[in-house]
């Protein structure tokens, strides 16, 4: 059974930082590129960043380049997203899963990030 357990979200002021974690189980995590997605209320799910298998390369959507860093620990089956210089427009529920077109139907509960003063 595939499971994604996201954590690390919270309320932070503009300019602040958060680190999200996603613990993955139920499939061979090390063999697949992995992604962070986000969804704001009333908006569609959007890809934020992805990381390939080791040796990893990364991709970021333009709006987060230079502020977010995606990483993975294959020994722990865990995906991370370090978020710096947060902006109110980063407020969303964040999810992890595989690449678009390869996502598992069983999404996690997500972790809420709220950026507000």
C-alpha atoms as a PDB file:
ATOM      1  CA  UNK A   1       0.000   0.000   0.000  1.00  0.00           C
ATOM      2  CA  UNK A   2       1.491   3.290  -1.134  1.00  0.00           C
ATOM      3  CA  UNK A   3       1.541   6.017   1.488  1.00  0.00           C
ATOM      4  CA  UNK A   4       2.768   9.589   1.552  1.00  0.00           C
ATOM      5  CA  UNK A   5       2.992  11.354   4.922  1.00  0.00           C
ATOM      6  CA  UNK A   6       3.736  15.054   4.584  1.00  0.00           C
ATOM      7  CA  UNK A   7       4.690  17.246   7.540  1.00  0.00           C
ATOM      8  CA  UNK A   8       6.470  20.447   8.485  1.00  0.00           C
ATOM      9  CA  UNK A   9       3.956  23.057   7.410  1.00  0.00           C
ATOM     10  CA  UNK A  10       2.715  25.892   9.554  1.00  0.00           C
ATOM     11  CA  UNK A  11       2.149  29.610   9.863  1.00  0.00           C
ATOM     12  CA  UNK A  12       5.145  31.769   9.035  1.00  0.00           C
ATOM     13  CA  UNK A  13       5.696  35.460   8.391  1.00  0.00           C
ATOM     14  CA  UNK A  14       6.717  36.713   4.950  1.00  0.00           C
ATOM     15  CA  UNK A  15      10.438  36.212   4.512  1.00  0.00           C
ATOM     16  CA  UNK A  16      10.473  33.233   6.847  1.00  0.00           C
ATOM     17  CA  UNK A  17      11.494  29.633   6.257  1.00  0.00           C
ATOM     18  CA  UNK A  18      10.030  26.166   6.593  1.00  0.00           C
ATOM     19  CA  UNK A  19      11.248  22.667   5.792  1.00  0.00           C
ATOM     20  CA  UNK A  20       8.699  20.144   4.606  1.00  0.00           C
ATOM     21  CA  UNK A  21       9.182  16.387   4.825  1.00  0.00           C
ATOM     22  CA  UNK A  22       7.426  13.534   3.071  1.00  0.00           C
ATOM     23  CA  UNK A  23       7.910   9.966   4.264  1.00  0.00           C
ATOM     24  CA  UNK A  24       7.135   7.481   1.523  1.00  0.00           C
ATOM     25  CA  UNK A  25       6.263   3.799   1.777  1.00  0.00           C
ATOM     26  CA  UNK A  26       4.816   1.058  -0.403  1.00  0.00           C
ATOM     27  CA  UNK A  27       7.052   1.348  -3.462  1.00  0.00           C
ATOM     28  CA  UNK A  28      10.747   1.491  -4.299  1.00  0.00           C
ATOM     29  CA  UNK A  29      11.352   5.174  -3.578  1.00  0.00           C
ATOM     30  CA  UNK A  30      14.955   5.099  -4.783  1.00  0.00           C
ATOM     31  CA  UNK A  31      14.010   4.161  -8.340  1.00  0.00           C
ATOM     32  CA  UNK A  32      11.776   7.129  -9.129  1.00  0.00           C
ATOM     33  CA  UNK A  33      11.931  10.877  -9.558  1.00  0.00           C
ATOM     34  CA  UNK A  34       9.850  12.551  -6.885  1.00  0.00           C
ATOM     35  CA  UNK A  35       7.924  15.814  -6.795  1.00  0.00           C
ATOM     36  CA  UNK A  36       6.420  18.413  -4.534  1.00  0.00           C
ATOM     37  CA  UNK A  37       3.079  19.843  -5.589  1.00  0.00           C
ATOM     38  CA  UNK A  38       0.907  22.544  -4.058  1.00  0.00           C
ATOM     39  CA  UNK A  39      -2.730  23.511  -4.228  1.00  0.00           C
ATOM     40  CA  UNK A  40      -4.231  26.765  -3.044  1.00  0.00           C
ATOM     41  CA  UNK A  41      -7.982  27.056  -2.340  1.00  0.00           C
ATOM     42  CA  UNK A  42      -9.980  27.135  -5.558  1.00  0.00           C
ATOM     43  CA  UNK A  43      -6.915  26.501  -7.698  1.00  0.00           C
ATOM     44  CA  UNK A  44      -5.561  23.470  -9.506  1.00  0.00           C
ATOM     45  CA  UNK A  45      -2.735  21.331  -8.251  1.00  0.00           C
ATOM     46  CA  UNK A  46       0.617  22.681  -9.446  1.00  0.00           C
ATOM     47  CA  UNK A  47       4.054  21.118  -9.682  1.00  0.00           C
ATOM     48  CA  UNK A  48       6.555  23.018  -7.545  1.00  0.00           C
ATOM     49  CA  UNK A  49       9.757  21.003  -7.835  1.00  0.00           C
ATOM     50  CA  UNK A  50      11.073  17.600  -8.753  1.00  0.00           C
ATOM     51  CA  UNK A  51      14.223  15.617  -8.131  1.00  0.00           C
ATOM     52  CA  UNK A  52      15.519  12.669 -10.117  1.00  0.00           C
ATOM     53  CA  UNK A  53      16.962   9.464  -8.779  1.00  0.00           C
ATOM     54  CA  UNK A  54      20.554   9.576  -7.552  1.00  0.00           C
ATOM     55  CA  UNK A  55      22.758  11.181  -8.725  1.00  0.00           C
ATOM     56  CA  UNK A  56      19.985  13.713  -8.415  1.00  0.00           C
ATOM     57  CA  UNK A  57      19.185  16.651 -10.605  1.00  0.00           C
ATOM     58  CA  UNK A  58      16.459  19.102  -9.736  1.00  0.00           C
ATOM     59  CA  UNK A  59      13.779  21.210 -11.403  1.00  0.00           C
ATOM     60  CA  UNK A  60      11.846  24.172 -10.007  1.00  0.00           C
ATOM     61  CA  UNK A  61       8.900  26.142 -11.241  1.00  0.00           C
ATOM     62  CA  UNK A  62       9.927  29.725 -11.972  1.00  0.00           C
ATOM     63  CA  UNK A  63       8.105  31.232  -9.019  1.00  0.00           C
ATOM     64  CA  UNK A  64      10.206  29.333  -6.451  1.00  0.00           C
ATOM     65  CA  UNK A  65      13.634  29.251  -8.142  1.00  0.00           C
ATOM     66  CA  UNK A  66      16.360  30.501  -5.843  1.00  0.00           C
ATOM     67  CA  UNK A  67      14.113  30.206  -2.775  1.00  0.00           C
ATOM     68  CA  UNK A  68      13.168  26.519  -2.531  1.00  0.00           C
ATOM     69  CA  UNK A  69      15.445  23.479  -2.459  1.00  0.00           C
ATOM     70  CA  UNK A  70      14.220  19.931  -3.019  1.00  0.00           C
ATOM     71  CA  UNK A  71      16.263  17.016  -1.705  1.00  0.00           C
ATOM     72  CA  UNK A  72      15.881  13.357  -0.884  1.00  0.00           C
ATOM     73  CA  UNK A  73      17.285  10.850   1.591  1.00  0.00           C
ATOM     74  CA  UNK A  74      16.947   7.444  -0.035  1.00  0.00           C
ATOM     75  CA  UNK A  75      18.069   5.647   3.119  1.00  0.00           C
ATOM     76  CA  UNK A  76      15.067   7.143   4.922  1.00  0.00           C
ATOM     77  CA  UNK A  77      12.585   7.058   2.008  1.00  0.00           C
ATOM     78  CA  UNK A  78      12.069  10.751   2.655  1.00  0.00           C
ATOM     79  CA  UNK A  79      11.640  13.751   0.395  1.00  0.00           C
ATOM     80  CA  UNK A  80      12.323  17.295   1.631  1.00  0.00           C
ATOM     81  CA  UNK A  81      11.500  20.823   0.550  1.00  0.00           C
ATOM     82  CA  UNK A  82      13.470  23.644   2.136  1.00  0.00           C
ATOM     83  CA  UNK A  83      11.541  26.878   1.621  1.00  0.00           C
ATOM     84  CA  UNK A  84      13.195  30.237   2.230  1.00  0.00           C
ATOM     85  CA  UNK A  85      12.089  33.830   1.664  1.00  0.00           C
ATOM     86  CA  UNK A  86       8.482  32.732   1.798  1.00  0.00           C
ATOM     87  CA  UNK A  87       5.814  34.931   0.235  1.00  0.00           C
ATOM     88  CA  UNK A  88       2.054  35.067   0.841  1.00  0.00           C
ATOM     89  CA  UNK A  89       1.529  33.534  -2.608  1.00  0.00           C
ATOM     90  CA  UNK A  90       3.351  30.408  -1.407  1.00  0.00           C
ATOM     91  CA  UNK A  91       0.423  29.673   0.924  1.00  0.00           C
ATOM     92  CA  UNK A  92      -1.013  26.312  -0.126  1.00  0.00           C
ATOM     93  CA  UNK A  93      -1.379  22.716   0.888  1.00  0.00           C
ATOM     94  CA  UNK A  94       1.807  20.911  -0.168  1.00  0.00           C
ATOM     95  CA  UNK A  95       1.850  17.295  -1.337  1.00  0.00           C
ATOM     96  CA  UNK A  96       4.464  14.847  -2.562  1.00  0.00           C
ATOM     97  CA  UNK A  97       4.056  12.196  -5.243  1.00  0.00           C
ATOM     98  CA  UNK A  98       5.724  10.961  -8.375  1.00  0.00           C
ATOM     99  CA  UNK A  99       6.002  12.859 -11.663  1.00  0.00           C
ATOM    100  CA  UNK A 100       2.862  14.014 -13.502  1.00  0.00           C
ATOM    101  CA  UNK A 101       1.455  11.078 -15.424  1.00  0.00           C
ATOM    102  CA  UNK A 102       3.046   8.679 -12.960  1.00  0.00           C
ATOM    103  CA  UNK A 103       1.346   9.851  -9.770  1.00  0.00           C
ATOM    104  CA  UNK A 104      -0.186   7.335  -7.448  1.00  0.00           C
ATOM    105  CA  UNK A 105      -3.917   7.840  -6.842  1.00  0.00           C
ATOM    106  CA  UNK A 106      -3.405   7.575  -3.089  1.00  0.00           C
ATOM    107  CA  UNK A 107      -2.257  11.113  -2.228  1.00  0.00           C
ATOM    108  CA  UNK A 108      -1.302  12.000   1.314  1.00  0.00           C
ATOM    109  CA  UNK A 109      -3.137  14.454   3.515  1.00  0.00           C
ATOM    110  CA  UNK A 110      -0.726  17.223   2.619  1.00  0.00           C
ATOM    111  CA  UNK A 111       0.749  19.849   4.882  1.00  0.00           C
ATOM    112  CA  UNK A 112      -0.635  23.383   5.093  1.00  0.00           C
ATOM    113  CA  UNK A 113       1.721  26.302   4.612  1.00  0.00           C
ATOM    114  CA  UNK A 114       0.368  29.728   5.463  1.00  0.00           C
ATOM    115  CA  UNK A 115       2.499  32.821   4.902  1.00  0.00           C
ATOM    116  CA  UNK A 116       1.007  35.832   6.578  1.00  0.00           C
ATOM    117  CA  UNK A 117       1.931  38.722   8.829  1.00  0.00           C
END
